Amino acid sequence: MSIELLQTLSKVFFAISGVLLATSVALFFLLEIKKVVGDVTGSTARKAIENIRQQNEQTGNKAYKPSPVNKSRGKVTDKISKSGHLIRNTVKSDISVGTSDLGEPPQSPAASETTVLAENMPGVVNDTTVLNQPVSVVFSIDFEIGFCGSAEIIV
């Protein structure tokens, strides 16, 4: 290769690098990469949450109004002492959360077995059997396939 050819190649590659630099800058702004980086790192969400908190403090208008149960319970996350134990909020409330005990399930002998749902109906096959009757099933092995991780054959 001659020096003239190398100088020409140098100028061509320099021009190509300039075009690629301009393309990358244009794509950076067209594809809004700054927003993508903000979404990936979470900084956009942090700023939005902080903005909502500032608006709530200024206007006093809360988007979320806790129920009386939540107000009496206190914060969901309790403070942690220096020893690492939770400092519980011991505020008691007489407000029911809305759940109740359903009681014990009925204990009948028929409740623990499967029964036939429909008997002697035309076109219906009775596939359900009662579990307390003995069922005999015979299995037979036709052939057995085994795999091992060795190329050695043991005779």
C-alpha atoms as a PDB file:
ATOM      1  CA  MET A   1       0.000   0.000   0.000  1.00  0.00           C
ATOM      2  CA  SER A   2       1.197   3.420  -0.836  1.00  0.00           C
ATOM      3  CA  ILE A   3       1.059   6.488   1.349  1.00  0.00           C
ATOM      4  CA  GLU A   4      -1.426   8.172  -0.986  1.00  0.00           C
ATOM      5  CA  LEU A   5      -3.845   5.235  -0.605  1.00  0.00           C
ATOM      6  CA  LEU A   6      -3.519   5.314   3.197  1.00  0.00           C
ATOM      7  CA  GLN A   7      -4.153   9.061   3.244  1.00  0.00           C
ATOM      8  CA  THR A   8      -7.238   8.616   1.084  1.00  0.00           C
ATOM      9  CA  LEU A   9      -8.539   5.800   3.340  1.00  0.00           C
ATOM     10  CA  SER A  10      -7.886   7.984   6.385  1.00  0.00           C
ATOM     11  CA  LYS A  11      -9.976  10.823   4.906  1.00  0.00           C
ATOM     12  CA  VAL A  12     -12.792   8.445   3.893  1.00  0.00           C
ATOM     13  CA  PHE A  13     -12.962   6.844   7.348  1.00  0.00           C
ATOM     14  CA  PHE A  14     -12.827  10.280   8.984  1.00  0.00           C
ATOM     15  CA  ALA A  15     -15.813  11.376   6.866  1.00  0.00           C
ATOM     16  CA  ILE A  16     -17.701   8.170   7.702  1.00  0.00           C
ATOM     17  CA  SER A  17     -17.053   8.696  11.421  1.00  0.00           C
ATOM     18  CA  GLY A  18     -18.426  12.239  11.168  1.00  0.00           C
ATOM     19  CA  VAL A  19     -21.599  10.969   9.456  1.00  0.00           C
ATOM     20  CA  LEU A  20     -22.028   8.237  12.104  1.00  0.00           C
ATOM     21  CA  LEU A  21     -21.511  10.770  14.908  1.00  0.00           C
ATOM     22  CA  ALA A  22     -24.194  13.044  13.453  1.00  0.00           C
ATOM     23  CA  THR A  23     -26.529  10.042  13.037  1.00  0.00           C
ATOM     24  CA  SER A  24     -26.001   8.916  16.642  1.00  0.00           C
ATOM     25  CA  VAL A  25     -26.706  12.411  18.004  1.00  0.00           C
ATOM     26  CA  ALA A  26     -29.856  12.675  15.873  1.00  0.00           C
ATOM     27  CA  LEU A  27     -31.058   9.226  17.033  1.00  0.00           C
ATOM     28  CA  PHE A  28     -30.347  10.140  20.665  1.00  0.00           C
ATOM     29  CA  PHE A  29     -32.855  12.984  20.439  1.00  0.00           C
ATOM     30  CA  LEU A  30     -35.337  11.304  18.082  1.00  0.00           C
ATOM     31  CA  LEU A  31     -35.616   8.149  20.199  1.00  0.00           C
ATOM     32  CA  GLU A  32     -35.657  10.168  23.450  1.00  0.00           C
ATOM     33  CA  ILE A  33     -32.908   8.083  25.050  1.00  0.00           C
ATOM     34  CA  LYS A  34     -32.815  10.412  28.072  1.00  0.00           C
ATOM     35  CA  LYS A  35     -36.373   9.328  28.965  1.00  0.00           C
ATOM     36  CA  VAL A  36     -35.477   5.670  28.456  1.00  0.00           C
ATOM     37  CA  VAL A  37     -32.509   5.979  30.814  1.00  0.00           C
ATOM     38  CA  GLY A  38     -34.754   7.711  33.363  1.00  0.00           C
ATOM     39  CA  ASP A  39     -37.318   4.903  33.158  1.00  0.00           C
ATOM     40  CA  VAL A  40     -34.704   2.173  33.470  1.00  0.00           C
ATOM     41  CA  THR A  41     -32.942   3.753  36.449  1.00  0.00           C
ATOM     42  CA  GLY A  42     -36.200   4.761  38.178  1.00  0.00           C
ATOM     43  CA  SER A  43     -35.302   8.423  38.447  1.00  0.00           C
ATOM     44  CA  THR A  44     -38.395   9.432  36.443  1.00  0.00           C
ATOM     45  CA  ALA A  45     -40.667   7.580  38.880  1.00  0.00           C
ATOM     46  CA  ARG A  46     -38.870   9.069  41.895  1.00  0.00           C
ATOM     47  CA  LYS A  47     -39.335  12.578  40.507  1.00  0.00           C
ATOM     48  CA  ALA A  48     -43.016  11.941  39.738  1.00  0.00           C
ATOM     49  CA  ILE A  49     -43.655  10.600  43.256  1.00  0.00           C
ATOM     50  CA  GLU A  50     -41.882  13.570  44.815  1.00  0.00           C
ATOM     51  CA  ASN A  51     -43.925  15.937  42.633  1.00  0.00           C
ATOM     52  CA  ILE A  52     -47.187  14.274  43.743  1.00  0.00           C
ATOM     53  CA  ARG A  53     -46.134  14.489  47.409  1.00  0.00           C
ATOM     54  CA  GLN A  54     -45.326  18.198  47.064  1.00  0.00           C
ATOM     55  CA  GLN A  55     -48.690  18.868  45.421  1.00  0.00           C
ATOM     56  CA  ASN A  56     -50.466  16.975  48.210  1.00  0.00           C
ATOM     57  CA  GLU A  57     -48.634  18.979  50.878  1.00  0.00           C
ATOM     58  CA  GLN A  58     -49.404  22.293  49.188  1.00  0.00           C
ATOM     59  CA  THR A  59     -53.083  21.673  48.406  1.00  0.00           C
ATOM     60  CA  GLY A  60     -53.992  19.329  51.236  1.00  0.00           C
ATOM     61  CA  ASN A  61     -55.965  17.353  48.658  1.00  0.00           C
ATOM     62  CA  LYS A  62     -55.058  13.719  49.101  1.00  0.00           C
ATOM     63  CA  ALA A  63     -55.753  11.366  46.236  1.00  0.00           C
ATOM     64  CA  TYR A  64     -55.962   8.439  48.679  1.00  0.00           C
ATOM     65  CA  LYS A  65     -58.168   8.651  51.743  1.00  0.00           C
ATOM     66  CA  PRO A  66     -57.561   5.772  54.164  1.00  0.00           C
ATOM     67  CA  SER A  67     -60.483   3.924  55.701  1.00  0.00           C
ATOM     68  CA  PRO A  68     -61.171   4.069  59.464  1.00  0.00           C
ATOM     69  CA  VAL A  69     -59.589   0.617  59.837  1.00  0.00           C
ATOM     70  CA  ASN A  70     -56.360   1.801  58.224  1.00  0.00           C
ATOM     71  CA  LYS A  71     -56.324   4.991  60.273  1.00  0.00           C
ATOM     72  CA  SER A  72     -56.679   3.080  63.531  1.00  0.00           C
ATOM     73  CA  ARG A  73     -54.061   0.518  62.531  1.00  0.00           C
ATOM     74  CA  GLY A  74     -51.431   3.150  61.884  1.00  0.00           C
ATOM     75  CA  LYS A  75     -48.536   2.837  59.490  1.00  0.00           C
ATOM     76  CA  VAL A  76     -48.078  -0.427  57.658  1.00  0.00           C
ATOM     77  CA  THR A  77     -44.334  -0.280  58.115  1.00  0.00           C
ATOM     78  CA  ASP A  78     -43.275  -0.052  61.721  1.00  0.00           C
ATOM     79  CA  LYS A  79     -40.061   1.555  62.903  1.00  0.00           C
ATOM     80  CA  ILE A  80     -37.111  -0.672  63.689  1.00  0.00           C
ATOM     81  CA  SER A  81     -35.166  -0.190  66.890  1.00  0.00           C
ATOM     82  CA  LYS A  82     -31.374  -0.166  67.054  1.00  0.00           C
ATOM     83  CA  SER A  83     -31.439  -3.794  68.220  1.00  0.00           C
ATOM     84  CA  GLY A  84     -33.253  -4.804  65.028  1.00  0.00           C
ATOM     85  CA  HIS A  85     -36.672  -5.490  66.576  1.00  0.00           C
ATOM     86  CA  LEU A  86     -39.874  -3.911  65.300  1.00  0.00           C
ATOM     87  CA  ILE A  87     -41.461  -1.182  67.406  1.00  0.00           C
ATOM     88  CA  ARG A  88     -45.143  -2.055  67.081  1.00  0.00           C
ATOM     89  CA  ASN A  89     -47.961   0.453  67.190  1.00  0.00           C
ATOM     90  CA  THR A  90     -50.289  -0.824  69.912  1.00  0.00           C
ATOM     91  CA  VAL A  91     -53.402   1.168  69.001  1.00  0.00           C
ATOM     92  CA  LYS A  92     -56.481  -1.051  69.386  1.00  0.00           C
ATOM     93  CA  SER A  93     -59.624  -0.553  67.381  1.00  0.00           C
ATOM     94  CA  ASP A  94     -63.164  -1.843  67.724  1.00  0.00           C
ATOM     95  CA  ILE A  95     -63.701  -1.624  63.956  1.00  0.00           C
ATOM     96  CA  SER A  96     -64.010  -4.978  62.215  1.00  0.00           C
ATOM     97  CA  VAL A  97     -61.845  -5.608  59.185  1.00  0.00           C
ATOM     98  CA  GLY A  98     -64.720  -7.357  57.448  1.00  0.00           C
ATOM     99  CA  THR A  99     -63.727 -10.990  57.791  1.00  0.00           C
ATOM    100  CA  SER A 100     -65.262 -13.565  60.023  1.00  0.00           C
ATOM    101  CA  ASP A 101     -64.709 -17.193  60.959  1.00  0.00           C
ATOM    102  CA  LEU A 102     -66.855 -19.508  58.878  1.00  0.00           C
ATOM    103  CA  GLY A 103     -66.840 -22.211  61.535  1.00  0.00           C
ATOM    104  CA  GLU A 104     -65.947 -25.853  61.256  1.00  0.00           C
ATOM    105  CA  PRO A 105     -66.655 -27.697  58.000  1.00  0.00           C
ATOM    106  CA  PRO A 106     -69.393 -30.319  58.200  1.00  0.00           C
ATOM    107  CA  GLN A 107     -68.028 -33.727  59.217  1.00  0.00           C
ATOM    108  CA  SER A 108     -70.104 -36.377  57.471  1.00  0.00           C
ATOM    109  CA  PRO A 109     -68.839 -39.713  56.147  1.00  0.00           C
ATOM    110  CA  ALA A 110     -69.980 -38.858  52.610  1.00  0.00           C
ATOM    111  CA  ALA A 111     -68.055 -35.573  52.569  1.00  0.00           C
ATOM    112  CA  SER A 112     -64.671 -37.275  52.255  1.00  0.00           C
ATOM    113  CA  GLU A 113     -65.418 -39.533  49.303  1.00  0.00           C
ATOM    114  CA  THR A 114     -66.348 -39.123  45.669  1.00  0.00           C
ATOM    115  CA  THR A 115     -69.864 -40.084  44.724  1.00  0.00           C
ATOM    116  CA  VAL A 116     -71.543 -40.673  41.393  1.00  0.00           C
ATOM    117  CA  LEU A 117     -73.308 -37.492  40.324  1.00  0.00           C
ATOM    118  CA  ALA A 118     -75.725 -38.926  37.778  1.00  0.00           C
ATOM    119  CA  GLU A 119     -76.786 -42.557  37.478  1.00  0.00           C
ATOM    120  CA  ASN A 120     -78.458 -44.294  34.564  1.00  0.00           C
ATOM    121  CA  MET A 121     -78.764 -41.229  32.370  1.00  0.00           C
ATOM    122  CA  PRO A 122     -78.846 -41.968  28.632  1.00  0.00           C
ATOM    123  CA  GLY A 123     -75.651 -40.915  26.867  1.00  0.00           C
ATOM    124  CA  VAL A 124     -73.723 -40.269  30.105  1.00  0.00           C
ATOM    125  CA  VAL A 125     -70.786 -42.506  31.011  1.00  0.00           C
ATOM    126  CA  ASN A 126     -70.303 -42.968  34.747  1.00  0.00           C
ATOM    127  CA  ASP A 127     -66.571 -42.250  35.087  1.00  0.00           C
ATOM    128  CA  THR A 128     -66.749 -41.386  38.777  1.00  0.00           C
ATOM    129  CA  THR A 129     -66.348 -44.234  41.246  1.00  0.00           C
ATOM    130  CA  VAL A 130     -66.867 -44.347  44.978  1.00  0.00           C
ATOM    131  CA  LEU A 131     -63.490 -44.318  46.765  1.00  0.00           C
ATOM    132  CA  ASN A 132     -64.339 -46.659  49.616  1.00  0.00           C
ATOM    133  CA  GLN A 133     -64.850 -49.600  47.238  1.00  0.00           C
ATOM    134  CA  PRO A 134     -61.693 -51.624  46.429  1.00  0.00           C
ATOM    135  CA  VAL A 135     -60.402 -51.199  42.894  1.00  0.00           C
ATOM    136  CA  SER A 136     -57.989 -53.710  41.426  1.00  0.00           C
ATOM    137  CA  VAL A 137     -55.643 -52.495  38.708  1.00  0.00           C
ATOM    138  CA  VAL A 138     -52.926 -54.667  37.200  1.00  0.00           C
ATOM    139  CA  PHE A 139     -49.861 -53.011  35.707  1.00  0.00           C
ATOM    140  CA  SER A 140     -47.371 -54.804  33.506  1.00  0.00           C
ATOM    141  CA  ILE A 141     -44.016 -53.554  32.222  1.00  0.00           C
ATOM    142  CA  ASP A 142     -43.724 -54.169  28.479  1.00  0.00           C
ATOM    143  CA  PHE A 143     -40.135 -52.936  28.155  1.00  0.00           C
ATOM    144  CA  GLU A 144     -37.769 -50.829  30.191  1.00  0.00           C
ATOM    145  CA  ILE A 145     -35.557 -48.037  28.887  1.00  0.00           C
ATOM    146  CA  GLY A 146     -32.535 -46.965  30.879  1.00  0.00           C
ATOM    147  CA  PHE A 147     -30.014 -44.188  30.380  1.00  0.00           C
ATOM    148  CA  CYS A 148     -26.562 -43.777  31.862  1.00  0.00           C
ATOM    149  CA  GLY A 149     -23.880 -41.176  31.460  1.00  0.00           C
ATOM    150  CA  SER A 150     -21.093 -43.541  30.520  1.00  0.00           C
ATOM    151  CA  ALA A 151     -19.842 -44.989  27.279  1.00  0.00           C
ATOM    152  CA  GLU A 152     -18.673 -48.136  29.085  1.00  0.00           C
ATOM    153  CA  ILE A 153     -20.770 -51.290  28.712  1.00  0.00           C
ATOM    154  CA  ILE A 154     -20.896 -53.569  31.742  1.00  0.00           C
ATOM    155  CA  VAL A 155     -21.471 -57.214  30.917  1.00  0.00           C
END
